[in-house]
Amino acid sequence: MSKIRRVFGNIIGNSIKNMDSVKKEIIVNFEDLDENILVSISDSGKGVNKEEIDKIFEALYTSDKSRKVAGLGLSICKSAIEGHGGKIWAENNNIGGLTIKFTLMKI
């Protein structure tokens, strides 16, 4: 449970750091699938270039070129989600930011 809390904390923390618009918005949705729960966390931040979106879950990778140190947050999220039998991915969304989606197996 503590690892799943950390996943939410890392994703929402990243969203907050990357929102510079006047209207800051984070939307969390849960969808009941047959054997899984789909969680979607969307923000109104900057989004990520299409060329980089598959790399953001790699350890020490950052899409923010102004950072001197790359983070581990999303790679930790990937490890935790996959450790629970789920999958995690990212998509740019229609409110201008990024959506992180992941599945968790129902217990």
N, C-alpha and C. Protein backbone atom coordinates (compact mmCIF):
# COMPACT_ATOMS: atom_id res chain seq x y z
N MET A 1 0.82 -1.19 0.00
CA MET A 1 0.00 0.00 0.00
C MET A 1 0.87 1.26 0.00
N SER A 2 1.98 1.23 0.72
CA SER A 2 2.84 2.42 0.77
C SER A 2 3.44 2.73 -0.61
N LYS A 3 3.72 1.69 -1.40
CA LYS A 3 4.26 1.92 -2.75
C LYS A 3 3.20 2.56 -3.65
N ILE A 4 1.96 2.17 -3.51
CA ILE A 4 0.89 2.76 -4.32
C ILE A 4 0.67 4.21 -3.90
N ARG A 5 0.75 4.50 -2.60
CA ARG A 5 0.68 5.89 -2.15
C ARG A 5 1.80 6.72 -2.77
N ARG A 6 2.98 6.14 -2.84
CA ARG A 6 4.12 6.85 -3.42
C ARG A 6 3.89 7.11 -4.91
N VAL A 7 3.27 6.17 -5.62
CA VAL A 7 2.94 6.36 -7.03
C VAL A 7 2.07 7.60 -7.19
N PHE A 8 0.99 7.68 -6.41
CA PHE A 8 0.11 8.85 -6.48
C PHE A 8 0.86 10.12 -6.12
N GLY A 9 1.68 10.07 -5.08
CA GLY A 9 2.45 11.24 -4.67
C GLY A 9 3.42 11.71 -5.73
N ASN A 10 4.14 10.78 -6.36
CA ASN A 10 5.09 11.15 -7.41
C ASN A 10 4.40 11.75 -8.62
N ILE A 11 3.32 11.12 -9.07
CA ILE A 11 2.63 11.60 -10.27
C ILE A 11 2.00 12.97 -10.01
N ILE A 12 1.30 13.11 -8.90
CA ILE A 12 0.65 14.39 -8.59
C ILE A 12 1.69 15.46 -8.32
N GLY A 13 2.79 15.11 -7.65
CA GLY A 13 3.88 16.06 -7.43
C GLY A 13 4.47 16.56 -8.74
N ASN A 14 4.69 15.66 -9.69
CA ASN A 14 5.18 16.05 -11.02
C ASN A 14 4.19 16.98 -11.71
N SER A 15 2.91 16.67 -11.59
CA SER A 15 1.88 17.52 -12.20
C SER A 15 1.95 18.93 -11.65
N ILE A 16 2.04 19.05 -10.35
CA ILE A 16 2.09 20.37 -9.71
C ILE A 16 3.32 21.15 -10.17
N LYS A 17 4.47 20.48 -10.24
CA LYS A 17 5.71 21.15 -10.66
C LYS A 17 5.66 21.64 -12.10
N ASN A 18 4.90 20.96 -12.95
CA ASN A 18 4.90 21.27 -14.38
C ASN A 18 3.70 22.08 -14.84
N MET A 19 2.95 22.64 -13.92
CA MET A 19 1.83 23.49 -14.30
C MET A 19 2.22 24.95 -14.12
N ASP A 20 2.22 25.68 -15.21
CA ASP A 20 2.51 27.11 -15.12
C ASP A 20 1.35 27.95 -15.64
N SER A 21 0.26 27.31 -15.99
CA SER A 21 -0.90 28.03 -16.49
C SER A 21 -1.66 28.68 -15.35
N VAL A 22 -2.52 29.61 -15.68
CA VAL A 22 -3.33 30.29 -14.67
C VAL A 22 -4.31 29.30 -14.04
N LYS A 23 -4.95 28.51 -14.88
CA LYS A 23 -5.90 27.51 -14.38
C LYS A 23 -5.17 26.19 -14.19
N LYS A 24 -4.88 25.87 -12.94
CA LYS A 24 -4.20 24.62 -12.62
C LYS A 24 -5.25 23.56 -12.31
N GLU A 25 -5.12 22.43 -12.98
CA GLU A 25 -6.14 21.40 -12.84
C GLU A 25 -5.49 20.02 -12.84
N ILE A 26 -5.89 19.20 -11.87
CA ILE A 26 -5.51 17.79 -11.82
C ILE A 26 -6.79 17.00 -11.69
N ILE A 27 -6.96 16.04 -12.57
CA ILE A 27 -8.17 15.21 -12.58
C ILE A 27 -7.74 13.76 -12.37
N VAL A 28 -8.35 13.11 -11.39
CA VAL A 28 -8.06 11.70 -11.11
C VAL A 28 -9.33 10.90 -11.38
N ASN A 29 -9.22 9.91 -12.25
CA ASN A 29 -10.36 9.05 -12.60
C ASN A 29 -10.01 7.59 -12.32
N PHE A 30 -11.02 6.84 -11.95
CA PHE A 30 -10.90 5.41 -11.75
C PHE A 30 -11.94 4.73 -12.62
N GLU A 31 -11.52 3.69 -13.34
CA GLU A 31 -12.44 2.96 -14.20
C GLU A 31 -12.36 1.47 -13.85
N ASP A 32 -13.51 0.88 -13.64
CA ASP A 32 -13.59 -0.54 -13.30
C ASP A 32 -13.55 -1.36 -14.57
N LEU A 33 -12.46 -2.11 -14.76
CA LEU A 33 -12.34 -3.03 -15.88
C LEU A 33 -12.61 -4.43 -15.35
N ASP A 34 -12.63 -5.43 -16.20
CA ASP A 34 -12.97 -6.78 -15.77
C ASP A 34 -12.14 -7.25 -14.58
N GLU A 35 -10.84 -7.35 -14.76
CA GLU A 35 -9.98 -7.86 -13.70
C GLU A 35 -9.05 -6.80 -13.12
N ASN A 36 -9.19 -5.57 -13.62
CA ASN A 36 -8.29 -4.49 -13.22
C ASN A 36 -9.07 -3.21 -12.92
N ILE A 37 -8.37 -2.29 -12.30
CA ILE A 37 -8.83 -0.91 -12.14
C ILE A 37 -7.89 -0.06 -12.98
N LEU A 38 -8.44 0.82 -13.81
CA LEU A 38 -7.65 1.76 -14.59
C LEU A 38 -7.68 3.10 -13.88
N VAL A 39 -6.50 3.62 -13.55
CA VAL A 39 -6.38 4.92 -12.90
C VAL A 39 -5.79 5.89 -13.92
N SER A 40 -6.40 7.06 -14.05
CA SER A 40 -5.92 8.11 -14.95
C SER A 40 -5.72 9.38 -14.13
N ILE A 41 -4.53 9.95 -14.20
CA ILE A 41 -4.24 11.21 -13.52
C ILE A 41 -3.82 12.21 -14.59
N SER A 42 -4.67 13.21 -14.81
CA SER A 42 -4.46 14.20 -15.87
C SER A 42 -4.18 15.56 -15.27
N ASP A 43 -3.33 16.34 -15.94
CA ASP A 43 -3.05 17.69 -15.49
C ASP A 43 -3.14 18.67 -16.64
N SER A 44 -3.16 19.94 -16.28
CA SER A 44 -3.21 21.01 -17.29
C SER A 44 -1.83 21.64 -17.46
N GLY A 45 -0.81 20.83 -17.29
CA GLY A 45 0.57 21.31 -17.41
C GLY A 45 1.03 21.46 -18.84
N LYS A 46 2.31 21.20 -19.07
CA LYS A 46 2.94 21.42 -20.37
C LYS A 46 2.84 20.22 -21.31
N GLY A 47 2.57 19.05 -20.80
CA GLY A 47 2.63 17.86 -21.63
C GLY A 47 4.08 17.49 -21.94
N VAL A 48 4.27 16.50 -22.79
CA VAL A 48 5.61 16.01 -23.14
C VAL A 48 5.66 15.82 -24.65
N ASN A 49 6.80 16.16 -25.25
CA ASN A 49 6.97 15.94 -26.69
C ASN A 49 6.71 14.48 -27.03
N LYS A 50 6.08 14.23 -28.18
CA LYS A 50 5.76 12.86 -28.61
C LYS A 50 7.01 11.99 -28.68
N GLU A 51 8.13 12.58 -29.07
CA GLU A 51 9.38 11.82 -29.20
C GLU A 51 9.92 11.36 -27.85
N GLU A 52 9.50 12.02 -26.78
CA GLU A 52 10.03 11.72 -25.46
C GLU A 52 9.07 10.96 -24.55
N ILE A 53 7.83 10.87 -24.94
CA ILE A 53 6.81 10.35 -24.03
C ILE A 53 7.07 8.91 -23.58
N ASP A 54 7.67 8.09 -24.43
CA ASP A 54 7.97 6.71 -24.03
C ASP A 54 9.20 6.61 -23.14
N LYS A 55 9.98 7.67 -23.05
CA LYS A 55 11.22 7.66 -22.27
C LYS A 55 11.04 8.14 -20.83
N ILE A 56 9.91 8.77 -20.52
CA ILE A 56 9.78 9.42 -19.20
C ILE A 56 9.77 8.45 -18.03
N PHE A 57 9.57 7.17 -18.29
CA PHE A 57 9.59 6.18 -17.21
C PHE A 57 10.97 5.55 -17.02
N GLU A 58 11.95 5.96 -17.82
CA GLU A 58 13.32 5.45 -17.69
C GLU A 58 14.02 6.15 -16.52
N ALA A 59 14.81 5.39 -15.79
CA ALA A 59 15.57 5.96 -14.68
C ALA A 59 16.51 7.04 -15.19
N LEU A 60 16.59 8.15 -14.47
CA LEU A 60 17.48 9.28 -14.73
C LEU A 60 17.14 10.08 -15.98
N TYR A 61 15.95 9.87 -16.56
CA TYR A 61 15.55 10.64 -17.73
C TYR A 61 14.66 11.80 -17.29
N THR A 62 14.84 12.95 -17.90
CA THR A 62 13.94 14.08 -17.68
C THR A 62 13.66 14.77 -19.00
N SER A 63 12.42 15.19 -19.19
CA SER A 63 12.08 15.94 -20.39
C SER A 63 12.30 17.44 -20.17
N ASP A 64 12.59 17.82 -18.93
CA ASP A 64 12.86 19.22 -18.58
C ASP A 64 14.36 19.48 -18.69
N LYS A 65 14.77 20.07 -19.79
CA LYS A 65 16.21 20.29 -20.05
C LYS A 65 16.84 21.30 -19.11
N SER A 66 16.03 22.08 -18.37
CA SER A 66 16.59 23.06 -17.44
C SER A 66 17.03 22.41 -16.13
N ARG A 67 16.61 21.18 -15.89
CA ARG A 67 17.01 20.48 -14.66
C ARG A 67 18.44 19.97 -14.79
N LYS A 68 19.21 20.13 -13.72
CA LYS A 68 20.59 19.64 -13.71
C LYS A 68 20.65 18.17 -13.27
N VAL A 69 19.66 17.74 -12.51
CA VAL A 69 19.61 16.37 -12.01
C VAL A 69 18.30 15.74 -12.48
N ALA A 70 18.41 14.58 -13.10
CA ALA A 70 17.21 13.87 -13.54
C ALA A 70 16.58 13.12 -12.38
N GLY A 71 15.27 13.06 -12.38
CA GLY A 71 14.55 12.41 -11.29
C GLY A 71 14.38 10.92 -11.49
N LEU A 72 13.96 10.29 -10.43
CA LEU A 72 13.67 8.86 -10.45
C LEU A 72 12.19 8.58 -10.25
N GLY A 73 11.39 9.63 -10.05
CA GLY A 73 10.00 9.47 -9.66
C GLY A 73 9.19 8.55 -10.54
N LEU A 74 9.18 8.77 -11.84
CA LEU A 74 8.35 7.95 -12.71
C LEU A 74 8.91 6.55 -12.92
N SER A 75 10.23 6.39 -12.83
CA SER A 75 10.78 5.03 -12.92
C SER A 75 10.41 4.23 -11.67
N ILE A 76 10.35 4.90 -10.52
CA ILE A 76 9.90 4.25 -9.29
C ILE A 76 8.42 3.87 -9.42
N CYS A 77 7.63 4.75 -10.02
CA CYS A 77 6.21 4.45 -10.25
C CYS A 77 6.06 3.22 -11.13
N LYS A 78 6.84 3.17 -12.21
CA LYS A 78 6.77 2.03 -13.12
C LYS A 78 7.11 0.74 -12.40
N SER A 79 8.16 0.76 -11.60
CA SER A 79 8.57 -0.42 -10.86
C SER A 79 7.47 -0.88 -9.89
N ALA A 80 6.87 0.06 -9.19
CA ALA A 80 5.82 -0.28 -8.22
C ALA A 80 4.59 -0.85 -8.91
N ILE A 81 4.17 -0.21 -10.00
CA ILE A 81 2.97 -0.68 -10.71
C ILE A 81 3.21 -2.05 -11.32
N GLU A 82 4.35 -2.23 -11.98
CA GLU A 82 4.66 -3.54 -12.57
C GLU A 82 4.83 -4.60 -11.48
N GLY A 83 5.34 -4.22 -10.33
CA GLY A 83 5.48 -5.14 -9.21
C GLY A 83 4.13 -5.62 -8.68
N HIS A 84 3.08 -4.84 -8.92
CA HIS A 84 1.73 -5.21 -8.54
C HIS A 84 0.96 -5.83 -9.71
N GLY A 85 1.69 -6.17 -10.79
CA GLY A 85 1.06 -6.83 -11.93
C GLY A 85 0.35 -5.90 -12.90
N GLY A 86 0.61 -4.61 -12.80
CA GLY A 86 -0.06 -3.65 -13.66
C GLY A 86 0.83 -3.11 -14.76
N LYS A 87 0.28 -2.16 -15.52
CA LYS A 87 1.00 -1.48 -16.59
C LYS A 87 0.84 0.01 -16.37
N ILE A 88 1.82 0.80 -16.85
CA ILE A 88 1.76 2.25 -16.73
C ILE A 88 2.22 2.88 -18.03
N TRP A 89 1.56 3.97 -18.44
CA TRP A 89 1.93 4.68 -19.66
C TRP A 89 1.46 6.13 -19.55
N ALA A 90 1.88 6.94 -20.52
CA ALA A 90 1.53 8.36 -20.53
C ALA A 90 0.99 8.77 -21.89
N GLU A 91 0.12 9.76 -21.87
CA GLU A 91 -0.45 10.33 -23.10
C GLU A 91 -0.63 11.83 -22.89
N ASN A 92 -0.40 12.62 -23.91
CA ASN A 92 -0.79 14.02 -23.84
C ASN A 92 -2.31 14.07 -23.90
N ASN A 93 -2.89 15.06 -23.20
CA ASN A 93 -4.35 15.10 -23.12
C ASN A 93 -4.93 16.34 -23.78
N ASN A 94 -6.25 16.44 -23.78
CA ASN A 94 -6.93 17.54 -24.46
C ASN A 94 -7.05 18.80 -23.62
N ILE A 95 -6.54 18.81 -22.39
CA ILE A 95 -6.52 20.05 -21.60
C ILE A 95 -5.12 20.67 -21.60
N GLY A 96 -4.24 20.16 -22.46
CA GLY A 96 -2.93 20.76 -22.65
C GLY A 96 -1.80 20.13 -21.89
N GLY A 97 -2.10 19.19 -21.04
CA GLY A 97 -1.07 18.58 -20.21
C GLY A 97 -0.85 17.12 -20.50
N LEU A 98 -0.49 16.40 -19.46
CA LEU A 98 -0.14 14.99 -19.56
C LEU A 98 -1.12 14.17 -18.74
N THR A 99 -1.41 12.98 -19.23
CA THR A 99 -2.19 12.01 -18.46
C THR A 99 -1.33 10.79 -18.25
N ILE A 100 -1.17 10.39 -17.00
CA ILE A 100 -0.50 9.14 -16.65
C ILE A 100 -1.61 8.14 -16.35
N LYS A 101 -1.55 6.99 -17.00
CA LYS A 101 -2.54 5.94 -16.78
C LYS A 101 -1.84 4.69 -16.29
N PHE A 102 -2.49 4.00 -15.38
CA PHE A 102 -1.96 2.70 -14.94
C PHE A 102 -3.08 1.79 -14.52
N THR A 103 -2.80 0.49 -14.62
CA THR A 103 -3.75 -0.51 -14.20
C THR A 103 -3.24 -1.20 -12.94
N LEU A 104 -4.18 -1.59 -12.12
CA LEU A 104 -3.89 -2.38 -10.94
C LEU A 104 -4.84 -3.57 -10.92
N MET A 105 -4.31 -4.74 -10.60
CA MET A 105 -5.14 -5.92 -10.53
C MET A 105 -6.06 -5.82 -9.31
N LYS A 106 -7.32 -6.25 -9.48
CA LYS A 106 -8.23 -6.32 -8.35
C LYS A 106 -7.80 -7.47 -7.46
N ILE A 107 -7.99 -7.30 -6.21
CA ILE A 107 -7.63 -8.38 -5.27
C ILE A 107 -8.87 -9.11 -4.85
